[in-house]
Amino acid sequence: MQKNLYLIIILFSLTSCYTYQVKKQTNTETNNKQEPKRASASANMASLPMESTTTEFKSKSSQQPAAPINIQEKLSSNKNVKIDVDGKSYKVIVDKWEGDSLVAHPVHNAKKTLKFHKNQINAEKIAEKRFSQPIADIITVVAYAGIAAGIYFLVR
């Protein structure tokens, strides 16, 4: 019983509330522009079915592509990030940009220097290290439950 309790305490002490999360970009501006077109197209459909069909095809073909992701803005100096380079994942702290090359060092090894060209980095899988509130809440609830169980077993 005590061995299991010690194991659980050690596991919770090693748990971190920080996780690497990919920041998703939203295109709310393009979605807001498309909704009035759809509403007017549905209004035209009742009166002229052929014209509304061509309007829908035009609006679908004229959709703007997603804005290009600027890697140099996402990876600014002193950020702790997880990047995907040529299929391999690295947890690094960004030092600086030298032209088109990223100079960084691994999280737990400041002496080692890594250089990556911006074309090698997968811009969609850049994950920043952030505080995770749900994980912190889970750890807090489990800690309180453990304290309550300990008090219960001591009193009993």
Protein backbone atom coordinates (compact mmCIF):
# COMPACT_ATOMS: atom_id res chain seq x y z
CA MET A 1 0.00 0.00 0.00
CA GLN A 2 2.75 2.45 0.95
CA LYS A 3 4.79 1.60 -2.15
CA ASN A 4 1.83 2.43 -4.39
CA LEU A 5 1.23 5.68 -2.51
CA TYR A 6 4.87 6.72 -2.88
CA LEU A 7 4.79 5.87 -6.59
CA ILE A 8 1.68 8.00 -7.10
CA ILE A 9 3.22 10.93 -5.20
CA ILE A 10 6.39 10.74 -7.31
CA LEU A 11 4.40 10.60 -10.55
CA PHE A 12 2.36 13.68 -9.63
CA SER A 13 5.48 15.59 -8.62
CA LEU A 14 6.91 14.96 -12.11
CA THR A 15 3.78 16.13 -13.92
CA SER A 16 4.00 19.53 -15.54
CA CYS A 17 1.21 22.02 -16.15
CA TYR A 18 2.98 23.29 -19.26
CA THR A 19 2.24 21.74 -22.64
CA TYR A 20 3.19 22.47 -26.22
CA GLN A 21 0.13 23.77 -28.09
CA VAL A 22 -0.25 24.66 -31.75
CA LYS A 23 -1.82 28.08 -32.15
CA LYS A 24 -4.56 27.89 -34.77
CA GLN A 25 -5.29 30.82 -37.05
CA THR A 26 -8.88 31.74 -37.71
CA ASN A 27 -10.14 33.43 -40.84
CA THR A 28 -13.18 35.15 -39.35
CA GLU A 29 -12.96 38.01 -41.82
CA THR A 30 -13.44 35.73 -44.84
CA ASN A 31 -16.24 33.81 -43.11
CA ASN A 32 -18.12 37.05 -42.34
CA LYS A 33 -17.86 38.16 -45.97
CA GLN A 34 -19.21 34.85 -47.27
CA GLU A 35 -22.31 34.71 -45.06
CA PRO A 36 -24.06 37.73 -46.67
CA LYS A 37 -23.34 36.25 -50.13
CA ARG A 38 -25.03 33.01 -49.14
CA ALA A 39 -28.03 34.86 -47.71
CA SER A 40 -28.45 36.87 -50.91
CA ALA A 41 -27.95 33.74 -52.99
CA SER A 42 -30.73 31.94 -51.11
CA ALA A 43 -33.03 34.96 -51.59
CA ASN A 44 -32.31 34.93 -55.33
CA MET A 45 -32.93 31.18 -55.47
CA ALA A 46 -36.62 31.68 -54.79
CA SER A 47 -37.00 34.09 -57.71
CA LEU A 48 -34.37 33.00 -60.21
CA PRO A 49 -32.90 29.50 -59.66
CA MET A 50 -30.37 29.67 -62.53
CA GLU A 51 -28.79 32.97 -61.46
CA SER A 52 -28.41 31.89 -57.83
CA THR A 53 -26.61 28.71 -58.87
CA THR A 54 -24.05 30.71 -60.83
CA THR A 55 -23.70 33.13 -57.90
CA GLU A 56 -22.90 30.22 -55.55
CA PHE A 57 -20.26 28.87 -57.93
CA LYS A 58 -18.67 32.30 -58.24
CA SER A 59 -18.57 32.77 -54.46
CA LYS A 60 -17.00 29.34 -53.93
CA SER A 61 -14.34 29.91 -56.57
CA SER A 62 -13.53 33.41 -55.29
CA GLN A 63 -12.76 32.27 -51.74
CA GLN A 64 -9.50 33.70 -50.51
CA PRO A 65 -6.79 31.23 -49.57
CA ALA A 66 -5.57 31.20 -45.99
CA ALA A 67 -3.05 33.89 -45.15
CA PRO A 68 0.52 32.62 -45.40
CA ILE A 69 2.13 31.88 -42.06
CA ASN A 70 5.21 34.00 -41.36
CA ILE A 71 7.63 31.69 -39.60
CA GLN A 72 9.96 34.48 -38.50
CA GLU A 73 7.14 36.23 -36.61
CA LYS A 74 6.02 32.99 -34.94
CA LEU A 75 9.55 32.08 -33.88
CA SER A 76 10.76 35.22 -32.19
CA SER A 77 13.73 35.35 -29.84
CA ASN A 78 13.65 33.50 -26.48
CA LYS A 79 10.48 31.51 -27.26
CA ASN A 80 10.27 27.93 -26.07
CA VAL A 81 8.76 25.99 -28.99
CA LYS A 82 8.40 22.54 -30.46
CA ILE A 83 9.11 22.51 -34.20
CA ASP A 84 8.92 19.83 -36.86
CA VAL A 85 11.93 19.82 -39.19
CA ASP A 86 12.01 17.30 -42.03
CA GLY A 87 9.77 14.90 -40.11
CA LYS A 88 11.75 15.10 -36.86
CA SER A 89 10.46 16.96 -33.80
CA TYR A 90 12.69 19.33 -31.78
CA LYS A 91 12.00 21.16 -28.51
CA VAL A 92 14.12 24.28 -28.76
CA ILE A 93 14.56 27.79 -27.42
CA VAL A 94 14.92 30.30 -30.24
CA ASP A 95 18.10 32.38 -30.12
CA LYS A 96 17.97 34.50 -33.28
CA TRP A 97 17.47 34.59 -37.02
CA GLU A 98 20.47 34.83 -39.32
CA GLY A 99 19.01 35.67 -42.71
CA ASP A 100 16.74 32.74 -43.57
CA SER A 101 18.23 30.42 -40.93
CA LEU A 102 16.92 29.86 -37.42
CA VAL A 103 19.58 29.58 -34.73
CA ALA A 104 18.31 27.76 -31.62
CA HIS A 105 19.44 25.48 -28.84
CA PRO A 106 17.72 22.43 -27.32
CA VAL A 107 15.68 23.07 -24.16
CA HIS A 108 17.99 21.31 -21.71
CA ASN A 109 21.30 21.83 -23.53
CA ALA A 110 22.27 25.48 -23.94
CA LYS A 111 25.77 24.64 -25.19
CA LYS A 112 24.55 22.86 -28.34
CA THR A 113 23.51 25.08 -31.26
CA LEU A 114 21.08 24.02 -33.98
CA LYS A 115 20.53 25.77 -37.31
CA PHE A 116 17.49 25.24 -39.51
CA HIS A 117 16.56 26.90 -42.80
CA LYS A 118 13.05 28.38 -42.76
CA ASN A 119 11.99 26.12 -45.67
CA GLN A 120 12.82 23.03 -43.58
CA ILE A 121 10.49 24.03 -40.73
CA ASN A 122 6.87 22.89 -40.96
CA ALA A 123 4.96 26.10 -40.22
CA GLU A 124 1.70 24.31 -39.39
CA LYS A 125 3.27 22.27 -36.57
CA ILE A 126 4.96 25.05 -34.60
CA ALA A 127 3.79 24.56 -31.00
CA GLU A 128 4.47 27.08 -28.24
CA LYS A 129 4.97 26.08 -24.63
CA ARG A 130 1.96 27.35 -22.67
CA PHE A 131 0.35 26.90 -19.30
CA SER A 132 -2.49 24.37 -19.45
CA GLN A 133 -5.30 25.27 -17.06
CA PRO A 134 -7.18 21.94 -17.42
CA ILE A 135 -4.10 19.94 -16.44
CA ALA A 136 -3.51 22.23 -13.46
CA ASP A 137 -7.14 21.78 -12.39
CA ILE A 138 -6.85 17.99 -12.63
CA ILE A 139 -3.66 17.97 -10.55
CA THR A 140 -5.32 20.22 -7.95
CA VAL A 141 -8.41 18.01 -7.67
CA VAL A 142 -6.29 14.85 -7.36
CA ALA A 143 -4.12 16.49 -4.70
CA TYR A 144 -7.19 17.50 -2.68
CA ALA A 145 -8.65 14.01 -3.05
CA GLY A 146 -5.36 12.52 -1.88
CA ILE A 147 -5.29 14.80 1.15
CA ALA A 148 -8.89 13.91 1.99
CA ALA A 149 -8.15 10.18 1.64
CA GLY A 150 -5.08 10.56 3.85
CA ILE A 151 -7.08 12.34 6.55
CA TYR A 152 -9.84 9.71 6.31
CA PHE A 153 -7.40 6.83 6.76
CA LEU A 154 -5.64 8.58 9.66
CA VAL A 155 -8.91 9.26 11.49
CA ARG A 156 -10.33 5.83 10.84
